Amino acid sequence: MELRSAKHPERSIEENIDLIATAGYDGVSADWGSRDYVRHLHGLLKAKGLTAEGQCYPDTVDELKPVLENATEFGVHHLNIQPNAKPRKLKDCVPLLEGWQRLAEQVDFPVYFETHRDRMTTDLYFTLDLLEAVPSLRLLGDISHFVVGREFAWPISAENHGYIHQILAHCWAFHGRVATREQVQIEITFPQHQTWLDQFLQWWEYGFRSWRKRSAPGDTLAFTCELGPKPYAITGRDGEDTTDRWSEALLLRERVAEVWMRSAVEPGEQ
């Protein structure tokens, strides 16, 4: 929601929450580490009937504890861990993941692990190895990082489709942006990017169908329209966004909602 603009003033957090609620979103994604910030944000969300995805970036097992306390006190739809510890060897990652999982068993909300660059899950192949080592790992999928990190060529190979499908089969929530092999976040309204937008929608539909098969009655799936400000957003010579990211987020939500509804129907049915 940040503008990071030299031309337009930043909106206040209150203005952003009003904008989000008025547009019909169900919640927000925010850093859940600072108790004072979380308490203030929670009050704003509660007044609008919104929920939250809490984010955190622990380096150690114990660093997760205060975040879980914040999430327990103020509530979340789920907590998203970006594992900031980055051991080079698989055997050194497993104790961290299992330690975080043991802590997560003590709370009554889901805890997921995001696929993200510059984190333990930065690499597609290494993340697949993590899943083999810890099959109970529940991911939050931001597959844009794998597409740009592995520089997927077009057309995408059957092998790479298979790898992404393996990731999606372990995803319990999603972050939504569209990438190419060169950029992690492209303008989805540019016609030259339509092919990549269509591809991501197909992947998300696969993920939605997989989630429907694994989920329990009453579960809800969170999809965050995560079109970040610069340097995620591509900027022009003037340093400003090349598109209106808010408008693109609304369009992305509309397209993803269509895919979600389609995922409820078996292929070939009407």
Protein backbone atom coordinates (compact mmCIF):
# COMPACT_ATOMS: atom_id res chain seq x y z
CA MET A 1 0.00 0.00 0.00
CA GLU A 2 3.03 2.29 0.20
CA LEU A 3 3.41 4.82 -2.60
CA ARG A 4 7.09 5.76 -2.10
CA SER A 5 6.45 8.66 -4.45
CA ALA A 6 8.03 12.08 -4.85
CA LYS A 7 4.76 13.37 -6.32
CA HIS A 8 2.11 11.94 -4.03
CA PRO A 9 2.05 12.00 -0.22
CA GLU A 10 1.85 8.72 1.66
CA ARG A 11 -1.58 7.75 2.91
CA SER A 12 -1.96 7.14 6.63
CA ILE A 13 -2.55 3.62 7.89
CA GLU A 14 -6.12 4.67 8.69
CA GLU A 15 -6.65 5.85 5.11
CA ASN A 16 -5.21 2.61 3.75
CA ILE A 17 -7.47 0.46 5.92
CA ASP A 18 -10.51 2.50 4.83
CA LEU A 19 -9.49 2.05 1.19
CA ILE A 20 -9.02 -1.70 1.62
CA ALA A 21 -12.31 -2.17 3.45
CA THR A 22 -14.29 -0.05 0.99
CA ALA A 23 -12.89 -2.07 -1.92
CA GLY A 24 -14.26 -5.25 -0.36
CA TYR A 25 -11.08 -7.03 0.65
CA ASP A 26 -11.31 -9.41 3.59
CA GLY A 27 -8.08 -8.41 5.31
CA VAL A 28 -4.48 -7.30 5.11
CA SER A 29 -0.99 -8.74 5.35
CA ALA A 30 1.35 -7.00 7.79
CA ASP A 31 4.43 -7.46 9.93
CA TRP A 32 3.32 -8.98 13.24
CA GLY A 33 6.52 -8.41 15.20
CA SER A 34 5.91 -5.14 17.04
CA ARG A 35 3.25 -5.43 19.74
CA ASP A 36 2.45 -1.68 19.71
CA TYR A 37 2.02 -1.64 15.93
CA VAL A 38 -0.04 -4.84 15.95
CA ARG A 39 -2.31 -3.54 18.71
CA HIS A 40 -3.00 -0.35 16.74
CA LEU A 41 -3.55 -2.19 13.47
CA HIS A 42 -5.77 -4.78 15.14
CA GLY A 43 -8.06 -2.03 16.42
CA LEU A 44 -8.41 -0.56 12.94
CA LEU A 45 -9.09 -3.94 11.38
CA LYS A 46 -11.60 -4.98 14.02
CA ALA A 47 -13.60 -1.80 13.46
CA LYS A 48 -13.90 -2.70 9.76
CA GLY A 49 -14.52 -6.42 10.25
CA LEU A 50 -11.20 -7.34 8.60
CA THR A 51 -8.73 -10.10 9.39
CA ALA A 52 -4.96 -10.26 8.99
CA GLU A 53 -2.11 -12.38 7.77
CA GLY A 54 0.73 -11.87 10.23
CA GLN A 55 4.24 -11.85 8.83
CA CYS A 56 7.52 -12.59 10.60
CA TYR A 57 11.17 -13.23 9.75
CA PRO A 58 12.81 -15.33 12.47
CA ASP A 59 16.49 -16.29 12.42
CA THR A 60 16.15 -18.69 15.35
CA VAL A 61 13.44 -20.89 16.83
CA ASP A 62 13.05 -18.64 19.87
CA GLU A 63 12.54 -15.52 17.73
CA LEU A 64 9.16 -16.91 16.74
CA LYS A 65 7.84 -16.91 20.31
CA PRO A 66 6.99 -13.19 20.73
CA VAL A 67 5.31 -13.15 17.31
CA LEU A 68 3.13 -16.08 18.31
CA GLU A 69 2.25 -14.20 21.48
CA ASN A 70 1.17 -11.16 19.42
CA ALA A 71 -0.85 -13.36 17.09
CA THR A 72 -2.50 -15.14 20.02
CA GLU A 73 -3.41 -11.89 21.75
CA PHE A 74 -4.67 -9.98 18.74
CA GLY A 75 -5.63 -12.76 16.35
CA VAL A 76 -4.69 -13.64 12.78
CA HIS A 77 -6.15 -15.67 9.95
CA HIS A 78 -2.73 -17.33 9.80
CA LEU A 79 0.90 -16.53 10.53
CA ASN A 80 3.40 -16.46 7.69
CA ILE A 81 7.05 -17.25 8.42
CA GLN A 82 9.72 -16.05 6.03
CA PRO A 83 12.54 -18.17 7.48
CA ASN A 84 15.43 -15.73 7.60
CA ALA A 85 17.93 -18.37 8.72
CA LYS A 86 19.72 -19.57 5.61
CA PRO A 87 21.95 -22.57 6.31
CA ARG A 88 23.72 -23.93 3.26
CA LYS A 89 23.08 -27.56 4.18
CA LEU A 90 19.72 -29.29 4.39
CA LYS A 91 20.59 -31.04 7.64
CA ASP A 92 21.05 -27.67 9.36
CA CYS A 93 17.62 -26.43 8.20
CA VAL A 94 15.57 -29.34 9.51
CA PRO A 95 16.04 -28.61 13.25
CA LEU A 96 14.92 -25.01 12.68
CA LEU A 97 11.82 -26.00 10.72
CA GLU A 98 10.88 -28.67 13.24
CA GLY A 99 11.44 -26.25 16.12
CA TRP A 100 9.13 -23.68 14.55
CA GLN A 101 6.58 -26.41 13.88
CA ARG A 102 6.64 -27.50 17.53
CA LEU A 103 5.91 -23.94 18.62
CA ALA A 104 3.14 -23.69 16.02
CA GLU A 105 1.46 -26.76 17.51
CA GLN A 106 0.81 -24.73 20.66
CA VAL A 107 -1.43 -22.11 18.98
CA ASP A 108 -4.89 -22.38 17.47
CA PHE A 109 -4.18 -20.67 14.15
CA PRO A 110 -2.26 -21.99 11.13
CA VAL A 111 1.44 -21.22 10.64
CA TYR A 112 2.90 -21.39 7.14
CA PHE A 113 6.36 -21.02 5.57
CA GLU A 114 6.67 -18.70 2.59
CA THR A 115 8.61 -19.43 -0.57
CA HIS A 116 10.72 -16.28 -0.89
CA ARG A 117 14.07 -15.11 -2.18
CA ASP A 118 16.84 -14.36 0.32
CA ARG A 119 15.24 -16.81 2.76
CA MET A 120 15.72 -20.50 3.53
CA THR A 121 13.25 -21.19 0.70
CA THR A 122 15.01 -18.98 -1.84
CA ASP A 123 15.73 -21.79 -4.31
CA LEU A 124 13.14 -24.01 -5.95
CA TYR A 125 15.25 -27.19 -5.86
CA PHE A 126 16.36 -26.64 -2.25
CA THR A 127 12.75 -26.04 -1.20
CA LEU A 128 11.72 -29.31 -2.83
CA ASP A 129 14.48 -30.99 -0.82
CA LEU A 130 13.12 -29.34 2.34
CA LEU A 131 9.69 -30.82 1.58
CA GLU A 132 11.22 -34.27 1.22
CA ALA A 133 13.02 -33.86 4.56
CA VAL A 134 10.00 -32.34 6.36
CA PRO A 135 6.87 -33.60 4.52
CA SER A 136 4.56 -31.92 7.05
CA LEU A 137 5.81 -28.47 6.02
CA ARG A 138 2.92 -26.20 5.05
CA LEU A 139 3.93 -23.58 2.52
CA LEU A 140 2.62 -20.17 1.65
CA GLY A 141 3.33 -19.99 -2.05
CA ASP A 142 4.76 -16.95 -3.75
CA ILE A 143 5.87 -18.69 -6.91
CA SER A 144 6.99 -15.44 -8.55
CA HIS A 145 10.28 -15.84 -6.67
CA PHE A 146 10.96 -19.25 -8.21
CA VAL A 147 10.14 -18.08 -11.74
CA VAL A 148 12.60 -15.21 -11.62
CA GLY A 149 15.09 -17.01 -9.38
CA ARG A 150 15.36 -19.98 -11.73
CA GLU A 151 14.89 -17.81 -14.85
CA PHE A 152 12.18 -20.00 -16.34
CA ALA A 153 12.47 -19.91 -20.12
CA TRP A 154 9.37 -19.59 -22.28
CA PRO A 155 7.73 -21.88 -23.16
CA ILE A 156 7.99 -23.35 -19.69
CA SER A 157 9.26 -26.90 -19.74
CA ALA A 158 7.24 -29.85 -18.53
CA GLU A 159 9.92 -30.40 -15.89
CA ASN A 160 9.51 -26.90 -14.46
CA HIS A 161 5.72 -27.21 -14.53
CA GLY A 162 6.12 -30.40 -12.53
CA TYR A 163 8.31 -28.70 -9.94
CA ILE A 164 5.86 -25.83 -9.51
CA HIS A 165 2.99 -28.30 -9.18
CA GLN A 166 4.89 -30.04 -6.37
CA ILE A 167 5.19 -26.71 -4.56
CA LEU A 168 1.53 -25.86 -5.13
CA ALA A 169 0.49 -29.23 -3.72
CA HIS A 170 1.99 -28.12 -0.39
CA CYS A 171 0.59 -24.56 -0.38
CA TRP A 172 -2.03 -23.53 2.17
CA ALA A 173 -2.09 -19.82 1.23
CA PHE A 174 -0.79 -17.67 -1.60
CA HIS A 175 0.85 -14.36 -2.33
CA GLY A 176 -0.14 -13.06 -5.73
CA ARG A 177 2.12 -11.25 -8.12
CA VAL A 178 3.09 -12.13 -11.69
CA ALA A 179 6.73 -12.55 -12.66
CA THR A 180 8.78 -13.31 -15.75
CA ARG A 181 12.23 -14.85 -15.86
CA GLU A 182 13.68 -11.31 -15.70
CA GLN A 183 11.34 -9.44 -13.29
CA VAL A 184 9.67 -10.50 -10.07
CA GLN A 185 6.70 -8.17 -10.53
CA ILE A 186 5.45 -7.08 -13.93
CA GLU A 187 2.59 -4.83 -14.97
CA ILE A 188 -0.35 -7.17 -15.50
CA THR A 189 -2.25 -4.63 -17.65
CA PHE A 190 0.48 -4.43 -20.31
CA PRO A 191 -0.51 -6.56 -23.32
CA GLN A 192 3.01 -7.98 -23.74
CA HIS A 193 2.66 -9.56 -20.28
CA GLN A 194 -0.65 -11.33 -20.94
CA THR A 195 1.04 -14.69 -21.52
CA TRP A 196 2.67 -14.61 -18.10
CA LEU A 197 -0.53 -13.48 -16.40
CA ASP A 198 -2.40 -16.38 -17.99
CA GLN A 199 0.30 -18.79 -16.84
CA PHE A 200 0.13 -17.64 -13.23
CA LEU A 201 -3.65 -17.88 -13.25
CA GLN A 202 -3.33 -21.47 -14.45
CA TRP A 203 -0.85 -22.27 -11.68
CA TRP A 204 -3.06 -20.69 -9.05
CA GLU A 205 -6.03 -22.70 -10.30
CA TYR A 206 -3.95 -25.85 -9.90
CA GLY A 207 -3.09 -24.74 -6.37
CA PHE A 208 -6.71 -23.94 -5.53
CA ARG A 209 -7.88 -27.33 -6.76
CA SER A 210 -5.19 -29.04 -4.72
CA TRP A 211 -6.13 -27.05 -1.61
CA ARG A 212 -9.82 -27.95 -1.99
CA LYS A 213 -8.88 -31.64 -1.92
CA ARG A 214 -6.71 -31.27 1.20
CA SER A 215 -8.68 -28.76 3.26
CA ALA A 216 -11.21 -29.52 5.97
CA PRO A 217 -14.83 -28.29 6.04
CA GLY A 218 -14.92 -24.70 7.23
CA ASP A 219 -11.33 -23.90 6.19
CA THR A 220 -10.69 -20.68 4.29
CA LEU A 221 -7.94 -20.01 1.78
CA ALA A 222 -6.10 -16.67 1.87
CA PHE A 223 -4.79 -15.08 -1.31
CA THR A 224 -2.92 -11.80 -0.91
CA CYS A 225 -2.76 -9.41 -3.88
CA GLU A 226 0.84 -8.44 -3.19
CA LEU A 227 1.86 -5.78 -5.68
CA GLY A 228 4.66 -4.11 -3.80
CA PRO A 229 6.10 -0.62 -4.20
CA LYS A 230 9.52 0.03 -5.70
CA PRO A 231 11.91 -1.68 -5.99
CA TYR A 232 9.37 -4.47 -6.58
CA ALA A 233 7.34 -2.23 -8.85
CA ILE A 234 9.05 -1.24 -12.07
CA THR A 235 9.51 2.53 -12.28
CA GLY A 236 10.05 5.00 -15.10
CA ARG A 237 12.74 7.65 -15.51
CA ASP A 238 10.87 9.83 -13.01
CA GLY A 239 11.09 7.16 -10.30
CA GLU A 240 7.32 6.66 -10.27
CA ASP A 241 5.36 3.44 -10.82
CA THR A 242 4.66 2.70 -14.48
CA THR A 243 1.08 1.70 -13.59
CA ASP A 244 -1.47 2.31 -10.86
CA ARG A 245 -0.72 -0.64 -8.57
CA TRP A 246 -3.99 -0.22 -6.67
CA SER A 247 -6.00 -0.56 -9.88
CA GLU A 248 -3.92 -3.58 -10.85
CA ALA A 249 -4.49 -5.15 -7.44
CA LEU A 250 -8.24 -4.76 -7.92
CA LEU A 251 -7.99 -6.34 -11.36
CA LEU A 252 -5.85 -9.16 -10.00
CA ARG A 253 -8.40 -9.85 -7.28
CA GLU A 254 -11.16 -10.02 -9.91
CA ARG A 255 -9.24 -12.47 -12.08
CA VAL A 256 -8.22 -14.64 -9.12
CA ALA A 257 -11.82 -14.73 -7.85
CA GLU A 258 -12.88 -16.07 -11.26
CA VAL A 259 -10.20 -18.77 -11.05
CA TRP A 260 -11.28 -19.64 -7.52
CA MET A 261 -14.88 -20.16 -8.64
CA ARG A 262 -13.72 -22.23 -11.59
CA SER A 263 -11.63 -24.42 -9.30
CA ALA A 264 -14.83 -25.56 -7.56
CA VAL A 265 -15.97 -27.28 -10.76
CA GLU A 266 -14.33 -30.43 -12.06
CA PRO A 267 -12.72 -30.06 -15.51
CA GLY A 268 -15.24 -30.84 -18.22
CA GLU A 269 -18.25 -29.96 -16.08
CA GLN A 270 -20.37 -26.87 -16.57
